[in-house]
Amino acid sequence: EMVDFFWQGTAADMIKQAMIRLHTSLVLKKLKSSLVLQVHDELVLLVPEQEIPLIVPLIREAMEFPQLKVSTPVVIKIGKTLATDDLDDFSSWTKKKNEKK
């Protein structure tokens, strides 16, 4: 249990650091996007559609920790609702958006 406590505490610290970095980026870039929810190791944001291409790199930058010797992969999913069946990864979302044009 002590080992779990250490890793869970570290993960909680990492997500808090990511939230601070992401919020700072949103404010500095004067974006309308906002953090609305944090659950375990996930962040949920409310993002105007036109800001999606701008915010994806900011999310990656905020959530990746290059100083660690282990990778911290970031999976970004996009959808109009939080319904899990409705979410696309960024490349699928981009492809669908381009097909509609």
PDB file of N, CA and C in Angstrom:
ATOM      1  N   GLU A   1       0.817  -1.194   0.000  1.00  0.00           N
ATOM      2  CA  GLU A   1       0.000   0.000   0.000  1.00  0.00           C
ATOM      3  C   GLU A   1       0.862   1.259   0.000  1.00  0.00           C
ATOM      4  N   MET A   2       2.021   1.213   0.636  1.00  0.00           N
ATOM      5  CA  MET A   2       2.885   2.382   0.673  1.00  0.00           C
ATOM      6  C   MET A   2       3.389   2.719  -0.727  1.00  0.00           C
ATOM      7  N   VAL A   3       3.681   1.701  -1.533  1.00  0.00           N
ATOM      8  CA  VAL A   3       4.135   1.940  -2.904  1.00  0.00           C
ATOM      9  C   VAL A   3       3.024   2.612  -3.700  1.00  0.00           C
ATOM     10  N   ASP A   4       1.796   2.122  -3.579  1.00  0.00           N
ATOM     11  CA  ASP A   4       0.663   2.744  -4.267  1.00  0.00           C
ATOM     12  C   ASP A   4       0.492   4.189  -3.828  1.00  0.00           C
ATOM     13  N   PHE A   5       0.629   4.435  -2.544  1.00  0.00           N
ATOM     14  CA  PHE A   5       0.479   5.791  -2.014  1.00  0.00           C
ATOM     15  C   PHE A   5       1.481   6.737  -2.668  1.00  0.00           C
ATOM     16  N   PHE A   6       2.740   6.293  -2.796  1.00  0.00           N
ATOM     17  CA  PHE A   6       3.779   7.127  -3.403  1.00  0.00           C
ATOM     18  C   PHE A   6       3.410   7.486  -4.841  1.00  0.00           C
ATOM     19  N   TRP A   7       3.059   6.487  -5.648  1.00  0.00           N
ATOM     20  CA  TRP A   7       2.760   6.753  -7.064  1.00  0.00           C
ATOM     21  C   TRP A   7       1.486   7.563  -7.227  1.00  0.00           C
ATOM     22  N   GLN A   8       0.477   7.283  -6.416  1.00  0.00           N
ATOM     23  CA  GLN A   8      -0.756   8.058  -6.517  1.00  0.00           C
ATOM     24  C   GLN A   8      -0.509   9.508  -6.126  1.00  0.00           C
ATOM     25  N   GLY A   9       0.300   9.723  -5.116  1.00  0.00           N
ATOM     26  CA  GLY A   9       0.638  11.088  -4.711  1.00  0.00           C
ATOM     27  C   GLY A   9       1.415  11.803  -5.791  1.00  0.00           C
ATOM     28  N   THR A  10       2.358  11.111  -6.415  1.00  0.00           N
ATOM     29  CA  THR A  10       3.148  11.697  -7.496  1.00  0.00           C
ATOM     30  C   THR A  10       2.257  12.039  -8.682  1.00  0.00           C
ATOM     31  N   ALA A  11       1.360  11.135  -9.044  1.00  0.00           N
ATOM     32  CA  ALA A  11       0.445  11.390 -10.164  1.00  0.00           C
ATOM     33  C   ALA A  11      -0.447  12.587  -9.861  1.00  0.00           C
ATOM     34  N   ALA A  12      -0.905  12.691  -8.630  1.00  0.00           N
ATOM     35  CA  ALA A  12      -1.747  13.833  -8.251  1.00  0.00           C
ATOM     36  C   ALA A  12      -0.965  15.136  -8.365  1.00  0.00           C
ATOM     37  N   ASP A  13       0.287  15.118  -7.940  1.00  0.00           N
ATOM     38  CA  ASP A  13       1.131  16.314  -8.067  1.00  0.00           C
ATOM     39  C   ASP A  13       1.349  16.676  -9.529  1.00  0.00           C
ATOM     40  N   MET A  14       1.569  15.666 -10.360  1.00  0.00           N
ATOM     41  CA  MET A  14       1.811  15.914 -11.785  1.00  0.00           C
ATOM     42  C   MET A  14       0.592  16.528 -12.460  1.00  0.00           C
ATOM     43  N   ILE A  15      -0.591  16.026 -12.159  1.00  0.00           N
ATOM     44  CA  ILE A  15      -1.792  16.564 -12.808  1.00  0.00           C
ATOM     45  C   ILE A  15      -2.041  17.995 -12.333  1.00  0.00           C
ATOM     46  N   LYS A  16      -1.738  18.273 -11.066  1.00  0.00           N
ATOM     47  CA  LYS A  16      -1.891  19.650 -10.567  1.00  0.00           C
ATOM     48  C   LYS A  16      -0.919  20.593 -11.264  1.00  0.00           C
ATOM     49  N   GLN A  17       0.318  20.143 -11.451  1.00  0.00           N
ATOM     50  CA  GLN A  17       1.293  20.956 -12.175  1.00  0.00           C
ATOM     51  C   GLN A  17       0.841  21.187 -13.615  1.00  0.00           C
ATOM     52  N   ALA A  18       0.310  20.146 -14.243  1.00  0.00           N
ATOM     53  CA  ALA A  18      -0.179  20.271 -15.623  1.00  0.00           C
ATOM     54  C   ALA A  18      -1.329  21.270 -15.695  1.00  0.00           C
ATOM     55  N   MET A  19      -2.222  21.228 -14.713  1.00  0.00           N
ATOM     56  CA  MET A  19      -3.349  22.163 -14.696  1.00  0.00           C
ATOM     57  C   MET A  19      -2.864  23.606 -14.579  1.00  0.00           C
ATOM     58  N   ILE A  20      -1.880  23.829 -13.736  1.00  0.00           N
ATOM     59  CA  ILE A  20      -1.340  25.186 -13.574  1.00  0.00           C
ATOM     60  C   ILE A  20      -0.698  25.654 -14.872  1.00  0.00           C
ATOM     61  N   ARG A  21       0.119  24.791 -15.485  1.00  0.00           N
ATOM     62  CA  ARG A  21       0.781  25.169 -16.743  1.00  0.00           C
ATOM     63  C   ARG A  21      -0.240  25.437 -17.841  1.00  0.00           C
ATOM     64  N   LEU A  22      -1.261  24.575 -17.937  1.00  0.00           N
ATOM     65  CA  LEU A  22      -2.268  24.753 -18.981  1.00  0.00           C
ATOM     66  C   LEU A  22      -3.075  26.027 -18.750  1.00  0.00           C
ATOM     67  N   HIS A  23      -3.500  26.254 -17.523  1.00  0.00           N
ATOM     68  CA  HIS A  23      -4.260  27.473 -17.216  1.00  0.00           C
ATOM     69  C   HIS A  23      -3.439  28.721 -17.553  1.00  0.00           C
ATOM     70  N   THR A  24      -2.169  28.699 -17.201  1.00  0.00           N
ATOM     71  CA  THR A  24      -1.286  29.830 -17.511  1.00  0.00           C
ATOM     72  C   THR A  24      -1.215  30.062 -19.013  1.00  0.00           C
ATOM     73  N   SER A  25      -1.079  28.997 -19.795  1.00  0.00           N
ATOM     74  CA  SER A  25      -1.032  29.121 -21.260  1.00  0.00           C
ATOM     75  C   SER A  25      -2.329  29.699 -21.810  1.00  0.00           C
ATOM     76  N   LEU A  26      -3.458  29.233 -21.284  1.00  0.00           N
ATOM     77  CA  LEU A  26      -4.758  29.731 -21.752  1.00  0.00           C
ATOM     78  C   LEU A  26      -4.886  31.228 -21.495  1.00  0.00           C
ATOM     79  N   VAL A  27      -4.467  31.664 -20.321  1.00  0.00           N
ATOM     80  CA  VAL A  27      -4.553  33.085 -19.965  1.00  0.00           C
ATOM     81  C   VAL A  27      -3.605  33.909 -20.826  1.00  0.00           C
ATOM     82  N   LEU A  28      -2.361  33.468 -20.953  1.00  0.00           N
ATOM     83  CA  LEU A  28      -1.375  34.228 -21.727  1.00  0.00           C
ATOM     84  C   LEU A  28      -1.764  34.361 -23.199  1.00  0.00           C
ATOM     85  N   LYS A  29      -2.372  33.304 -23.744  1.00  0.00           N
ATOM     86  CA  LYS A  29      -2.769  33.331 -25.156  1.00  0.00           C
ATOM     87  C   LYS A  29      -4.169  33.915 -25.346  1.00  0.00           C
ATOM     88  N   LYS A  30      -4.805  34.291 -24.234  1.00  0.00           N
ATOM     89  CA  LYS A  30      -6.138  34.900 -24.252  1.00  0.00           C
ATOM     90  C   LYS A  30      -7.161  34.034 -24.997  1.00  0.00           C
ATOM     91  N   LEU A  31      -7.117  32.728 -24.717  1.00  0.00           N
ATOM     92  CA  LEU A  31      -8.061  31.800 -25.330  1.00  0.00           C
ATOM     93  C   LEU A  31      -9.336  31.731 -24.496  1.00  0.00           C
ATOM     94  N   LYS A  32     -10.421  31.354 -25.138  1.00  0.00           N
ATOM     95  CA  LYS A  32     -11.706  31.220 -24.450  1.00  0.00           C
ATOM     96  C   LYS A  32     -11.862  29.843 -23.811  1.00  0.00           C
ATOM     97  N   SER A  33     -11.005  28.907 -24.168  1.00  0.00           N
ATOM     98  CA  SER A  33     -11.052  27.556 -23.618  1.00  0.00           C
ATOM     99  C   SER A  33     -10.857  27.598 -22.110  1.00  0.00           C
ATOM    100  N   SER A  34     -11.450  26.610 -21.431  1.00  0.00           N
ATOM    101  CA  SER A  34     -11.297  26.579 -19.976  1.00  0.00           C
ATOM    102  C   SER A  34     -11.287  25.149 -19.458  1.00  0.00           C
ATOM    103  N   LEU A  35     -10.554  24.958 -18.375  1.00  0.00           N
ATOM    104  CA  LEU A  35     -10.560  23.690 -17.660  1.00  0.00           C
ATOM    105  C   LEU A  35     -11.872  23.603 -16.896  1.00  0.00           C
ATOM    106  N   VAL A  36     -12.577  22.488 -17.026  1.00  0.00           N
ATOM    107  CA  VAL A  36     -13.840  22.359 -16.304  1.00  0.00           C
ATOM    108  C   VAL A  36     -13.842  21.216 -15.294  1.00  0.00           C
ATOM    109  N   LEU A  37     -12.936  20.238 -15.477  1.00  0.00           N
ATOM    110  CA  LEU A  37     -13.001  19.068 -14.607  1.00  0.00           C
ATOM    111  C   LEU A  37     -11.675  18.325 -14.635  1.00  0.00           C
ATOM    112  N   GLN A  38     -11.295  17.787 -13.495  1.00  0.00           N
ATOM    113  CA  GLN A  38     -10.138  16.906 -13.399  1.00  0.00           C
ATOM    114  C   GLN A  38     -10.589  15.639 -12.702  1.00  0.00           C
ATOM    115  N   VAL A  39     -10.366  14.492 -13.344  1.00  0.00           N
ATOM    116  CA  VAL A  39     -10.720  13.204 -12.759  1.00  0.00           C
ATOM    117  C   VAL A  39      -9.496  12.297 -12.870  1.00  0.00           C
ATOM    118  N   HIS A  40      -8.938  11.912 -11.742  1.00  0.00           N
ATOM    119  CA  HIS A  40      -7.741  11.074 -11.690  1.00  0.00           C
ATOM    120  C   HIS A  40      -6.633  11.697 -12.531  1.00  0.00           C
ATOM    121  N   ASP A  41      -6.296  11.071 -13.667  1.00  0.00           N
ATOM    122  CA  ASP A  41      -5.216  11.599 -14.506  1.00  0.00           C
ATOM    123  C   ASP A  41      -5.750  12.244 -15.784  1.00  0.00           C
ATOM    124  N   GLU A  42      -6.994  12.658 -15.768  1.00  0.00           N
ATOM    125  CA  GLU A  42      -7.614  13.258 -16.951  1.00  0.00           C
ATOM    126  C   GLU A  42      -8.034  14.697 -16.672  1.00  0.00           C
ATOM    127  N   LEU A  43      -7.936  15.508 -17.718  1.00  0.00           N
ATOM    128  CA  LEU A  43      -8.454  16.871 -17.666  1.00  0.00           C
ATOM    129  C   LEU A  43      -9.557  16.988 -18.701  1.00  0.00           C
ATOM    130  N   VAL A  44     -10.628  17.654 -18.346  1.00  0.00           N
ATOM    131  CA  VAL A  44     -11.728  17.918 -19.270  1.00  0.00           C
ATOM    132  C   VAL A  44     -11.765  19.422 -19.484  1.00  0.00           C
ATOM    133  N   LEU A  45     -11.808  19.805 -20.754  1.00  0.00           N
ATOM    134  CA  LEU A  45     -11.823  21.225 -21.094  1.00  0.00           C
ATOM    135  C   LEU A  45     -13.040  21.543 -21.935  1.00  0.00           C
ATOM    136  N   LEU A  46     -13.497  22.765 -21.833  1.00  0.00           N
ATOM    137  CA  LEU A  46     -14.534  23.299 -22.705  1.00  0.00           C
ATOM    138  C   LEU A  46     -13.793  24.180 -23.702  1.00  0.00           C
ATOM    139  N   VAL A  47     -13.851  23.795 -24.989  1.00  0.00           N
ATOM    140  CA  VAL A  47     -13.035  24.451 -26.011  1.00  0.00           C
ATOM    141  C   VAL A  47     -13.905  24.835 -27.202  1.00  0.00           C
ATOM    142  N   PRO A  48     -13.926  26.110 -27.571  1.00  0.00           N
ATOM    143  CA  PRO A  48     -14.615  26.490 -28.805  1.00  0.00           C
ATOM    144  C   PRO A  48     -13.957  25.765 -29.986  1.00  0.00           C
ATOM    145  N   GLU A  49     -14.752  25.332 -30.940  1.00  0.00           N
ATOM    146  CA  GLU A  49     -14.230  24.512 -32.040  1.00  0.00           C
ATOM    147  C   GLU A  49     -13.054  25.166 -32.758  1.00  0.00           C
ATOM    148  N   GLN A  50     -13.113  26.476 -32.946  1.00  0.00           N
ATOM    149  CA  GLN A  50     -12.034  27.148 -33.674  1.00  0.00           C
ATOM    150  C   GLN A  50     -10.716  27.149 -32.894  1.00  0.00           C
ATOM    151  N   GLU A  51     -10.759  26.894 -31.589  1.00  0.00           N
ATOM    152  CA  GLU A  51      -9.539  26.870 -30.780  1.00  0.00           C
ATOM    153  C   GLU A  51      -8.913  25.483 -30.672  1.00  0.00           C
ATOM    154  N   ILE A  52      -9.607  24.455 -31.138  1.00  0.00           N
ATOM    155  CA  ILE A  52      -9.085  23.091 -30.978  1.00  0.00           C
ATOM    156  C   ILE A  52      -7.676  22.938 -31.550  1.00  0.00           C
ATOM    157  N   PRO A  53      -7.416  23.371 -32.794  1.00  0.00           N
ATOM    158  CA  PRO A  53      -6.043  23.207 -33.311  1.00  0.00           C
ATOM    159  C   PRO A  53      -4.991  23.978 -32.504  1.00  0.00           C
ATOM    160  N   LEU A  54      -5.396  25.056 -31.857  1.00  0.00           N
ATOM    161  CA  LEU A  54      -4.460  25.842 -31.046  1.00  0.00           C
ATOM    162  C   LEU A  54      -4.187  25.197 -29.691  1.00  0.00           C
ATOM    163  N   ILE A  55      -5.210  24.570 -29.138  1.00  0.00           N
ATOM    164  CA  ILE A  55      -5.089  24.099 -27.756  1.00  0.00           C
ATOM    165  C   ILE A  55      -4.449  22.717 -27.633  1.00  0.00           C
ATOM    166  N   VAL A  56      -4.567  21.897 -28.664  1.00  0.00           N
ATOM    167  CA  VAL A  56      -3.998  20.543 -28.581  1.00  0.00           C
ATOM    168  C   VAL A  56      -2.504  20.574 -28.238  1.00  0.00           C
ATOM    169  N   PRO A  57      -1.684  21.384 -28.933  1.00  0.00           N
ATOM    170  CA  PRO A  57      -0.264  21.422 -28.544  1.00  0.00           C
ATOM    171  C   PRO A  57      -0.043  21.972 -27.127  1.00  0.00           C
ATOM    172  N   LEU A  58      -0.891  22.886 -26.689  1.00  0.00           N
ATOM    173  CA  LEU A  58      -0.762  23.429 -25.331  1.00  0.00           C
ATOM    174  C   LEU A  58      -1.039  22.349 -24.283  1.00  0.00           C
ATOM    175  N   ILE A  59      -2.036  21.515 -24.560  1.00  0.00           N
ATOM    176  CA  ILE A  59      -2.369  20.425 -23.634  1.00  0.00           C
ATOM    177  C   ILE A  59      -1.200  19.451 -23.552  1.00  0.00           C
ATOM    178  N   ARG A  60      -0.682  19.057 -24.723  1.00  0.00           N
ATOM    179  CA  ARG A  60       0.466  18.136 -24.738  1.00  0.00           C
ATOM    180  C   ARG A  60       1.644  18.713 -23.948  1.00  0.00           C
ATOM    181  N   GLU A  61       1.956  19.953 -24.225  1.00  0.00           N
ATOM    182  CA  GLU A  61       3.086  20.604 -23.561  1.00  0.00           C
ATOM    183  C   GLU A  61       2.884  20.654 -22.044  1.00  0.00           C
ATOM    184  N   ALA A  62       1.668  20.941 -21.622  1.00  0.00           N
ATOM    185  CA  ALA A  62       1.380  21.038 -20.186  1.00  0.00           C
ATOM    186  C   ALA A  62       1.424  19.682 -19.493  1.00  0.00           C
ATOM    187  N   MET A  63       1.016  18.624 -20.196  1.00  0.00           N
ATOM    188  CA  MET A  63       0.858  17.321 -19.549  1.00  0.00           C
ATOM    189  C   MET A  63       2.049  16.385 -19.713  1.00  0.00           C
ATOM    190  N   GLU A  64       2.943  16.674 -20.654  1.00  0.00           N
ATOM    191  CA  GLU A  64       4.125  15.828 -20.798  1.00  0.00           C
ATOM    192  C   GLU A  64       5.213  16.339 -19.861  1.00  0.00           C
ATOM    193  N   PHE A  65       5.965  15.438 -19.305  1.00  0.00           N
ATOM    194  CA  PHE A  65       7.017  15.786 -18.359  1.00  0.00           C
ATOM    195  C   PHE A  65       8.349  15.263 -18.891  1.00  0.00           C
ATOM    196  N   PRO A  66       9.005  16.031 -19.787  1.00  0.00           N
ATOM    197  CA  PRO A  66      10.244  15.542 -20.405  1.00  0.00           C
ATOM    198  C   PRO A  66      11.385  15.325 -19.413  1.00  0.00           C
ATOM    199  N   GLN A  67      11.327  15.944 -18.245  1.00  0.00           N
ATOM    200  CA  GLN A  67      12.385  15.777 -17.254  1.00  0.00           C
ATOM    201  C   GLN A  67      12.350  14.400 -16.593  1.00  0.00           C
ATOM    202  N   LEU A  68      11.239  13.671 -16.736  1.00  0.00           N
ATOM    203  CA  LEU A  68      11.152  12.328 -16.164  1.00  0.00           C
ATOM    204  C   LEU A  68      11.858  11.329 -17.067  1.00  0.00           C
ATOM    205  N   LYS A  69      12.344  10.258 -16.477  1.00  0.00           N
ATOM    206  CA  LYS A  69      13.014   9.227 -17.266  1.00  0.00           C
ATOM    207  C   LYS A  69      12.032   8.204 -17.815  1.00  0.00           C
ATOM    208  N   VAL A  70      10.774   8.355 -17.491  1.00  0.00           N
ATOM    209  CA  VAL A  70       9.726   7.498 -18.054  1.00  0.00           C
ATOM    210  C   VAL A  70       8.807   8.386 -18.885  1.00  0.00           C
ATOM    211  N   SER A  71       8.230   7.801 -19.918  1.00  0.00           N
ATOM    212  CA  SER A  71       7.354   8.612 -20.767  1.00  0.00           C
ATOM    213  C   SER A  71       6.007   8.828 -20.089  1.00  0.00           C
ATOM    214  N   THR A  72       5.411   9.942 -20.374  1.00  0.00           N
ATOM    215  CA  THR A  72       4.065  10.243 -19.889  1.00  0.00           C
ATOM    216  C   THR A  72       3.211  10.527 -21.121  1.00  0.00           C
ATOM    217  N   PRO A  73       2.737   9.454 -21.779  1.00  0.00           N
ATOM    218  CA  PRO A  73       1.972   9.654 -23.008  1.00  0.00           C
ATOM    219  C   PRO A  73       0.685  10.428 -22.744  1.00  0.00           C
ATOM    220  N   VAL A  74       0.345  11.298 -23.671  1.00  0.00           N
ATOM    221  CA  VAL A  74      -0.856  12.115 -23.562  1.00  0.00           C
ATOM    222  C   VAL A  74      -1.803  11.707 -24.681  1.00  0.00           C
ATOM    223  N   VAL A  75      -3.011  11.328 -24.316  1.00  0.00           N
ATOM    224  CA  VAL A  75      -4.040  10.980 -25.291  1.00  0.00           C
ATOM    225  C   VAL A  75      -5.091  12.075 -25.231  1.00  0.00           C
ATOM    226  N   ILE A  76      -5.309  12.726 -26.359  1.00  0.00           N
ATOM    227  CA  ILE A  76      -6.286  13.814 -26.415  1.00  0.00           C
ATOM    228  C   ILE A  76      -7.482  13.334 -27.213  1.00  0.00           C
ATOM    229  N   LYS A  77      -8.649  13.449 -26.613  1.00  0.00           N
ATOM    230  CA  LYS A  77      -9.886  13.056 -27.290  1.00  0.00           C
ATOM    231  C   LYS A  77     -10.799  14.261 -27.386  1.00  0.00           C
ATOM    232  N   ILE A  78     -11.549  14.309 -28.478  1.00  0.00           N
ATOM    233  CA  ILE A  78     -12.397  15.463 -28.772  1.00  0.00           C
ATOM    234  C   ILE A  78     -13.811  14.977 -29.057  1.00  0.00           C
ATOM    235  N   GLY A  79     -14.794  15.678 -28.508  1.00  0.00           N
ATOM    236  CA  GLY A  79     -16.184  15.350 -28.779  1.00  0.00           C
ATOM    237  C   GLY A  79     -17.092  16.492 -28.387  1.00  0.00           C
ATOM    238  N   LYS A  80     -18.302  16.443 -28.888  1.00  0.00           N
ATOM    239  CA  LYS A  80     -19.273  17.491 -28.565  1.00  0.00           C
ATOM    240  C   LYS A  80     -19.864  17.283 -27.172  1.00  0.00           C
ATOM    241  N   THR A  81     -19.816  16.036 -26.687  1.00  0.00           N
ATOM    242  CA  THR A  81     -20.296  15.716 -25.342  1.00  0.00           C
ATOM    243  C   THR A  81     -19.242  14.858 -24.652  1.00  0.00           C
ATOM    244  N   LEU A  82     -19.470  14.522 -23.408  1.00  0.00           N
ATOM    245  CA  LEU A  82     -18.548  13.653 -22.687  1.00  0.00           C
ATOM    246  C   LEU A  82     -18.853  12.176 -22.900  1.00  0.00           C
ATOM    247  N   ALA A  83     -19.842  11.867 -23.730  1.00  0.00           N
ATOM    248  CA  ALA A  83     -20.197  10.475 -24.001  1.00  0.00           C
ATOM    249  C   ALA A  83     -18.991   9.766 -24.612  1.00  0.00           C
ATOM    250  N   THR A  84     -18.596   8.654 -24.028  1.00  0.00           N
ATOM    251  CA  THR A  84     -17.378   7.983 -24.480  1.00  0.00           C
ATOM    252  C   THR A  84     -17.477   7.483 -25.915  1.00  0.00           C
ATOM    253  N   ASP A  85     -18.653   7.146 -26.389  1.00  0.00           N
ATOM    254  CA  ASP A  85     -18.800   6.673 -27.766  1.00  0.00           C
ATOM    255  C   ASP A  85     -18.622   7.802 -28.769  1.00  0.00           C
ATOM    256  N   ASP A  86     -18.676   9.014 -28.296  1.00  0.00           N
ATOM    257  CA  ASP A  86     -18.673  10.190 -29.161  1.00  0.00           C
ATOM    258  C   ASP A  86     -17.301  10.839 -29.326  1.00  0.00           C
ATOM    259  N   LEU A  87     -16.272  10.308 -28.692  1.00  0.00           N
ATOM    260  CA  LEU A  87     -14.975  10.976 -28.669  1.00  0.00           C
ATOM    261  C   LEU A  87     -14.050  10.475 -29.774  1.00  0.00           C
ATOM    262  N   ASP A  88     -13.327  11.406 -30.397  1.00  0.00           N
ATOM    263  CA  ASP A  88     -12.329  11.087 -31.417  1.00  0.00           C
ATOM    264  C   ASP A  88     -10.966  11.534 -30.925  1.00  0.00           C
ATOM    265  N   ASP A  89      -9.911  10.858 -31.401  1.00  0.00           N
ATOM    266  CA  ASP A  89      -8.586  11.415 -31.142  1.00  0.00           C
ATOM    267  C   ASP A  89      -8.394  12.591 -32.097  1.00  0.00           C
ATOM    268  N   PHE A  90      -7.358  13.383 -31.877  1.00  0.00           N
ATOM    269  CA  PHE A  90      -7.184  14.625 -32.632  1.00  0.00           C
ATOM    270  C   PHE A  90      -7.040  14.374 -34.131  1.00  0.00           C
ATOM    271  N   SER A  91      -6.280  13.357 -34.525  1.00  0.00           N
ATOM    272  CA  SER A  91      -6.098  13.104 -35.962  1.00  0.00           C
ATOM    273  C   SER A  91      -7.406  12.674 -36.622  1.00  0.00           C
ATOM    274  N   SER A  92      -8.215  11.858 -35.946  1.00  0.00           N
ATOM    275  CA  SER A  92      -9.522  11.463 -36.500  1.00  0.00           C
ATOM    276  C   SER A  92     -10.449  12.663 -36.598  1.00  0.00           C
ATOM    277  N   TRP A  93     -10.427  13.513 -35.582  1.00  0.00           N
ATOM    278  CA  TRP A  93     -11.265  14.714 -35.592  1.00  0.00           C
ATOM    279  C   TRP A  93     -10.881  15.612 -36.760  1.00  0.00           C
ATOM    280  N   THR A  94      -9.561  15.796 -36.957  1.00  0.00           N
ATOM    281  CA  THR A  94      -9.073  16.636 -38.053  1.00  0.00           C
ATOM    282  C   THR A  94      -9.503  16.065 -39.395  1.00  0.00           C
ATOM    283  N   LYS A  95      -9.374  14.746 -39.553  1.00  0.00           N
ATOM    284  CA  LYS A  95      -9.761  14.092 -40.808  1.00  0.00           C
ATOM    285  C   LYS A  95     -11.253  14.294 -41.077  1.00  0.00           C
ATOM    286  N   LYS A  96     -12.098  14.074 -40.061  1.00  0.00           N
ATOM    287  CA  LYS A  96     -13.547  14.264 -40.224  1.00  0.00           C
ATOM    288  C   LYS A  96     -13.870  15.710 -40.582  1.00  0.00           C
ATOM    289  N   LYS A  97     -13.195  16.641 -39.927  1.00  0.00           N
ATOM    290  CA  LYS A  97     -13.437  18.062 -40.190  1.00  0.00           C
ATOM    291  C   LYS A  97     -13.067  18.408 -41.631  1.00  0.00           C
ATOM    292  N   ASN A  98     -11.955  17.877 -42.118  1.00  0.00           N
ATOM    293  CA  ASN A  98     -11.528  18.144 -43.491  1.00  0.00           C
ATOM    294  C   ASN A  98     -12.451  17.500 -44.517  1.00  0.00           C
ATOM    295  N   GLU A  99     -13.040  16.350 -44.182  1.00  0.00           N
ATOM    296  CA  GLU A  99     -13.972  15.680 -45.095  1.00  0.00           C
ATOM    297  C   GLU A  99     -15.263  16.471 -45.252  1.00  0.00           C
ATOM    298  N   LYS A 100     -15.652  17.211 -44.211  1.00  0.00           N
ATOM    299  CA  LYS A 100     -16.888  18.003 -44.263  1.00  0.00           C
ATOM    300  C   LYS A 100     -16.750  19.217 -45.167  1.00  0.00           C
ATOM    301  N   LYS A 101     -15.519  19.660 -45.427  1.00  0.00           N
ATOM    302  CA  LYS A 101     -15.304  20.867 -46.240  1.00  0.00           C
ATOM    303  C   LYS A 101     -15.574  20.622 -47.702  1.00  0.00           C
TER     304      LYS A 101
END
